[in-house]
Amino acid sequence: MAKQTEKQMRYGKSAFIRAPEYAKDRLLLEVLLDDTKTYTKEEVDSLLNEWKAKEVQ
């Protein structure tokens, strides 16, 4: 089995919420991420960017 790079590693919601680099987005992560799924860093960054780019209605 090939080694997974850091970019390919998948983590649960709680790992992202505890990560210092996501401290300012913890509330958003609580809402956007599913407790039962795992995500890559790129997926989480993409979800955050998409949400922040939405217009306020």
PDB file of N, CA and C in Angstrom:
ATOM      1  N   MET A   1       0.839  -1.184   0.000  1.00  0.00           N
ATOM      2  CA  MET A   1       0.000   0.000   0.000  1.00  0.00           C
ATOM      3  C   MET A   1       0.887   1.251   0.000  1.00  0.00           C
ATOM      4  N   ALA A   2       0.574   2.181  -0.866  1.00  0.00           N
ATOM      5  CA  ALA A   2       1.354   3.410  -0.974  1.00  0.00           C
ATOM      6  C   ALA A   2       1.083   4.312   0.228  1.00  0.00           C
ATOM      7  N   LYS A   3       2.111   5.046   0.609  1.00  0.00           N
ATOM      8  CA  LYS A   3       1.946   5.999   1.712  1.00  0.00           C
ATOM      9  C   LYS A   3       1.046   7.131   1.275  1.00  0.00           C
ATOM     10  N   GLN A   4       0.172   7.546   2.167  1.00  0.00           N
ATOM     11  CA  GLN A   4      -0.686   8.697   1.866  1.00  0.00           C
ATOM     12  C   GLN A   4       0.067   9.965   2.234  1.00  0.00           C
ATOM     13  N   THR A   5       0.016  10.931   1.340  1.00  0.00           N
ATOM     14  CA  THR A   5       0.618  12.216   1.659  1.00  0.00           C
ATOM     15  C   THR A   5      -0.334  12.976   2.558  1.00  0.00           C
ATOM     16  N   GLU A   6       0.139  14.055   3.139  1.00  0.00           N
ATOM     17  CA  GLU A   6      -0.713  14.858   4.028  1.00  0.00           C
ATOM     18  C   GLU A   6      -1.940  15.373   3.284  1.00  0.00           C
ATOM     19  N   LYS A   7      -1.805  15.666   2.005  1.00  0.00           N
ATOM     20  CA  LYS A   7      -2.931  16.176   1.225  1.00  0.00           C
ATOM     21  C   LYS A   7      -4.010  15.113   1.051  1.00  0.00           C
ATOM     22  N   GLN A   8      -3.634  13.840   1.029  1.00  0.00           N
ATOM     23  CA  GLN A   8      -4.592  12.767   0.811  1.00  0.00           C
ATOM     24  C   GLN A   8      -5.195  12.246   2.107  1.00  0.00           C
ATOM     25  N   MET A   9      -4.635  12.603   3.225  1.00  0.00           N
ATOM     26  CA  MET A   9      -5.132  12.104   4.504  1.00  0.00           C
ATOM     27  C   MET A   9      -6.541  12.615   4.754  1.00  0.00           C
ATOM     28  N   ARG A  10      -7.365  11.735   5.317  1.00  0.00           N
ATOM     29  CA  ARG A  10      -8.752  12.091   5.609  1.00  0.00           C
ATOM     30  C   ARG A  10      -8.928  12.133   7.121  1.00  0.00           C
ATOM     31  N   TYR A  11      -9.653  13.147   7.579  1.00  0.00           N
ATOM     32  CA  TYR A  11      -9.868  13.349   9.006  1.00  0.00           C
ATOM     33  C   TYR A  11     -11.350  13.592   9.271  1.00  0.00           C
ATOM     34  N   GLY A  12     -11.761  13.314  10.484  1.00  0.00           N
ATOM     35  CA  GLY A  12     -13.133  13.560  10.890  1.00  0.00           C
ATOM     36  C   GLY A  12     -13.361  15.013  11.256  1.00  0.00           C
ATOM     37  N   LYS A  13     -14.598  15.332  11.454  1.00  0.00           N
ATOM     38  CA  LYS A  13     -15.021  16.690  11.800  1.00  0.00           C
ATOM     39  C   LYS A  13     -14.284  17.222  13.027  1.00  0.00           C
ATOM     40  N   SER A  14     -14.162  16.416  14.063  1.00  0.00           N
ATOM     41  CA  SER A  14     -13.543  16.881  15.307  1.00  0.00           C
ATOM     42  C   SER A  14     -12.080  17.269  15.123  1.00  0.00           C
ATOM     43  N   ALA A  15     -11.381  16.590  14.229  1.00  0.00           N
ATOM     44  CA  ALA A  15      -9.975  16.924  13.980  1.00  0.00           C
ATOM     45  C   ALA A  15      -9.839  18.326  13.386  1.00  0.00           C
ATOM     46  N   PHE A  16     -10.735  18.670  12.477  1.00  0.00           N
ATOM     47  CA  PHE A  16     -10.685  20.008  11.875  1.00  0.00           C
ATOM     48  C   PHE A  16     -11.097  21.082  12.875  1.00  0.00           C
ATOM     49  N   ILE A  17     -12.076  20.774  13.701  1.00  0.00           N
ATOM     50  CA  ILE A  17     -12.534  21.750  14.689  1.00  0.00           C
ATOM     51  C   ILE A  17     -11.436  22.047  15.716  1.00  0.00           C
ATOM     52  N   ARG A  18     -10.632  21.054  16.048  1.00  0.00           N
ATOM     53  CA  ARG A  18      -9.543  21.239  17.020  1.00  0.00           C
ATOM     54  C   ARG A  18      -8.277  21.832  16.404  1.00  0.00           C
ATOM     55  N   ALA A  19      -8.154  21.797  15.086  1.00  0.00           N
ATOM     56  CA  ALA A  19      -6.938  22.265  14.416  1.00  0.00           C
ATOM     57  C   ALA A  19      -6.776  23.781  14.571  1.00  0.00           C
ATOM     58  N   PRO A  20      -5.598  24.225  15.009  1.00  0.00           N
ATOM     59  CA  PRO A  20      -5.368  25.670  15.204  1.00  0.00           C
ATOM     60  C   PRO A  20      -5.581  26.499  13.939  1.00  0.00           C
ATOM     61  N   GLU A  21      -5.273  25.949  12.776  1.00  0.00           N
ATOM     62  CA  GLU A  21      -5.414  26.725  11.539  1.00  0.00           C
ATOM     63  C   GLU A  21      -6.868  27.001  11.169  1.00  0.00           C
ATOM     64  N   TYR A  22      -7.805  26.273  11.769  1.00  0.00           N
ATOM     65  CA  TYR A  22      -9.222  26.484  11.510  1.00  0.00           C
ATOM     66  C   TYR A  22      -9.930  27.127  12.697  1.00  0.00           C
ATOM     67  N   ALA A  23      -9.200  27.691  13.619  1.00  0.00           N
ATOM     68  CA  ALA A  23      -9.777  28.267  14.838  1.00  0.00           C
ATOM     69  C   ALA A  23     -10.835  29.332  14.526  1.00  0.00           C
ATOM     70  N   LYS A  24     -10.576  30.183  13.556  1.00  0.00           N
ATOM     71  CA  LYS A  24     -11.526  31.266  13.254  1.00  0.00           C
ATOM     72  C   LYS A  24     -12.771  30.776  12.530  1.00  0.00           C
ATOM     73  N   ASP A  25     -12.744  29.534  12.022  1.00  0.00           N
ATOM     74  CA  ASP A  25     -13.874  28.991  11.274  1.00  0.00           C
ATOM     75  C   ASP A  25     -14.566  27.834  12.003  1.00  0.00           C
ATOM     76  N   ARG A  26     -14.323  27.696  13.290  1.00  0.00           N
ATOM     77  CA  ARG A  26     -14.880  26.558  14.031  1.00  0.00           C
ATOM     78  C   ARG A  26     -16.401  26.493  13.972  1.00  0.00           C
ATOM     79  N   LEU A  27     -17.057  27.621  14.108  1.00  0.00           N
ATOM     80  CA  LEU A  27     -18.518  27.625  14.065  1.00  0.00           C
ATOM     81  C   LEU A  27     -19.027  27.162  12.699  1.00  0.00           C
ATOM     82  N   LEU A  28     -18.402  27.645  11.642  1.00  0.00           N
ATOM     83  CA  LEU A  28     -18.780  27.211  10.292  1.00  0.00           C
ATOM     84  C   LEU A  28     -18.559  25.715  10.113  1.00  0.00           C
ATOM     85  N   LEU A  29     -17.440  25.220  10.600  1.00  0.00           N
ATOM     86  CA  LEU A  29     -17.142  23.798  10.469  1.00  0.00           C
ATOM     87  C   LEU A  29     -18.169  22.949  11.206  1.00  0.00           C
ATOM     88  N   GLU A  30     -18.627  23.425  12.347  1.00  0.00           N
ATOM     89  CA  GLU A  30     -19.660  22.702  13.099  1.00  0.00           C
ATOM     90  C   GLU A  30     -20.906  22.498  12.238  1.00  0.00           C
ATOM     91  N   VAL A  31     -21.237  23.489  11.426  1.00  0.00           N
ATOM     92  CA  VAL A  31     -22.436  23.442  10.608  1.00  0.00           C
ATOM     93  C   VAL A  31     -22.194  22.718   9.284  1.00  0.00           C
ATOM     94  N   LEU A  32     -21.058  22.986   8.646  1.00  0.00           N
ATOM     95  CA  LEU A  32     -20.805  22.464   7.298  1.00  0.00           C
ATOM     96  C   LEU A  32     -20.400  20.999   7.248  1.00  0.00           C
ATOM     97  N   LEU A  33     -19.682  20.516   8.255  1.00  0.00           N
ATOM     98  CA  LEU A  33     -19.157  19.153   8.208  1.00  0.00           C
ATOM     99  C   LEU A  33     -20.100  18.157   8.873  1.00  0.00           C
ATOM    100  N   ASP A  34     -20.111  16.965   8.333  1.00  0.00           N
ATOM    101  CA  ASP A  34     -20.952  15.878   8.837  1.00  0.00           C
ATOM    102  C   ASP A  34     -20.136  15.033   9.822  1.00  0.00           C
ATOM    103  N   ASP A  35     -20.737  14.699  10.955  1.00  0.00           N
ATOM    104  CA  ASP A  35     -20.054  13.904  11.979  1.00  0.00           C
ATOM    105  C   ASP A  35     -19.648  12.518  11.490  1.00  0.00           C
ATOM    106  N   THR A  36     -20.352  11.984  10.512  1.00  0.00           N
ATOM    107  CA  THR A  36     -20.113  10.609  10.078  1.00  0.00           C
ATOM    108  C   THR A  36     -19.175  10.487   8.886  1.00  0.00           C
ATOM    109  N   LYS A  37     -18.700  11.598   8.348  1.00  0.00           N
ATOM    110  CA  LYS A  37     -17.833  11.572   7.165  1.00  0.00           C
ATOM    111  C   LYS A  37     -16.423  12.009   7.512  1.00  0.00           C
ATOM    112  N   THR A  38     -15.500  11.671   6.609  1.00  0.00           N
ATOM    113  CA  THR A  38     -14.128  12.162   6.730  1.00  0.00           C
ATOM    114  C   THR A  38     -13.835  13.058   5.531  1.00  0.00           C
ATOM    115  N   TYR A  39     -12.896  13.956   5.711  1.00  0.00           N
ATOM    116  CA  TYR A  39     -12.594  14.961   4.702  1.00  0.00           C
ATOM    117  C   TYR A  39     -11.091  15.133   4.559  1.00  0.00           C
ATOM    118  N   THR A  40     -10.669  15.551   3.353  1.00  0.00           N
ATOM    119  CA  THR A  40      -9.288  15.985   3.168  1.00  0.00           C
ATOM    120  C   THR A  40      -9.233  17.474   3.461  1.00  0.00           C
ATOM    121  N   LYS A  41      -8.040  17.978   3.671  1.00  0.00           N
ATOM    122  CA  LYS A  41      -7.865  19.410   3.923  1.00  0.00           C
ATOM    123  C   LYS A  41      -8.406  20.222   2.740  1.00  0.00           C
ATOM    124  N   GLU A  42      -8.159  19.751   1.532  1.00  0.00           N
ATOM    125  CA  GLU A  42      -8.623  20.459   0.337  1.00  0.00           C
ATOM    126  C   GLU A  42     -10.150  20.513   0.280  1.00  0.00           C
ATOM    127  N   GLU A  43     -10.813  19.422   0.658  1.00  0.00           N
ATOM    128  CA  GLU A  43     -12.274  19.411   0.657  1.00  0.00           C
ATOM    129  C   GLU A  43     -12.831  20.425   1.658  1.00  0.00           C
ATOM    130  N   VAL A  44     -12.240  20.481   2.831  1.00  0.00           N
ATOM    131  CA  VAL A  44     -12.705  21.419   3.858  1.00  0.00           C
ATOM    132  C   VAL A  44     -12.449  22.856   3.416  1.00  0.00           C
ATOM    133  N   ASP A  45     -11.268  23.119   2.870  1.00  0.00           N
ATOM    134  CA  ASP A  45     -10.968  24.468   2.380  1.00  0.00           C
ATOM    135  C   ASP A  45     -11.948  24.877   1.283  1.00  0.00           C
ATOM    136  N   SER A  46     -12.287  23.945   0.408  1.00  0.00           N
ATOM    137  CA  SER A  46     -13.230  24.222  -0.670  1.00  0.00           C
ATOM    138  C   SER A  46     -14.623  24.521  -0.118  1.00  0.00           C
ATOM    139  N   LEU A  47     -15.082  23.720   0.845  1.00  0.00           N
ATOM    140  CA  LEU A  47     -16.391  23.968   1.462  1.00  0.00           C
ATOM    141  C   LEU A  47     -16.445  25.340   2.121  1.00  0.00           C
ATOM    142  N   LEU A  48     -15.388  25.694   2.837  1.00  0.00           N
ATOM    143  CA  LEU A  48     -15.342  26.995   3.499  1.00  0.00           C
ATOM    144  C   LEU A  48     -15.348  28.128   2.483  1.00  0.00           C
ATOM    145  N   ASN A  49     -14.546  28.003   1.429  1.00  0.00           N
ATOM    146  CA  ASN A  49     -14.473  29.047   0.405  1.00  0.00           C
ATOM    147  C   ASN A  49     -15.798  29.216  -0.317  1.00  0.00           C
ATOM    148  N   GLU A  50     -16.474  28.096  -0.630  1.00  0.00           N
ATOM    149  CA  GLU A  50     -17.772  28.176  -1.292  1.00  0.00           C
ATOM    150  C   GLU A  50     -18.787  28.882  -0.403  1.00  0.00           C
ATOM    151  N   TRP A  51     -18.800  28.547   0.863  1.00  0.00           N
ATOM    152  CA  TRP A  51     -19.768  29.152   1.779  1.00  0.00           C
ATOM    153  C   TRP A  51     -19.498  30.645   1.948  1.00  0.00           C
ATOM    154  N   LYS A  52     -18.228  31.011   2.075  1.00  0.00           N
ATOM    155  CA  LYS A  52     -17.879  32.419   2.261  1.00  0.00           C
ATOM    156  C   LYS A  52     -18.140  33.250   1.019  1.00  0.00           C
ATOM    157  N   ALA A  53     -18.147  32.619  -0.175  1.00  0.00           N
ATOM    158  CA  ALA A  53     -18.354  33.332  -1.434  1.00  0.00           C
ATOM    159  C   ALA A  53     -19.833  33.586  -1.717  1.00  0.00           C
ATOM    160  N   LYS A  54     -20.722  32.922  -0.997  1.00  0.00           N
ATOM    161  CA  LYS A  54     -22.157  33.100  -1.227  1.00  0.00           C
ATOM    162  C   LYS A  54     -22.578  34.507  -0.836  1.00  0.00           C
ATOM    163  N   GLU A  55     -23.557  35.017  -1.607  1.00  0.00           N
ATOM    164  CA  GLU A  55     -24.101  36.332  -1.294  1.00  0.00           C
ATOM    165  C   GLU A  55     -25.079  36.224  -0.137  1.00  0.00           C
ATOM    166  N   VAL A  56     -25.139  37.259   0.649  1.00  0.00           N
ATOM    167  CA  VAL A  56     -26.090  37.313   1.752  1.00  0.00           C
ATOM    168  C   VAL A  56     -27.453  37.637   1.180  1.00  0.00           C
ATOM    169  N   GLN A  57     -28.464  36.911   1.623  1.00  0.00           N
ATOM    170  CA  GLN A  57     -29.810  37.164   1.098  1.00  0.00           C
ATOM    171  C   GLN A  57     -30.659  37.870   2.109  1.00  0.00           C
TER     172      GLN A  57
END
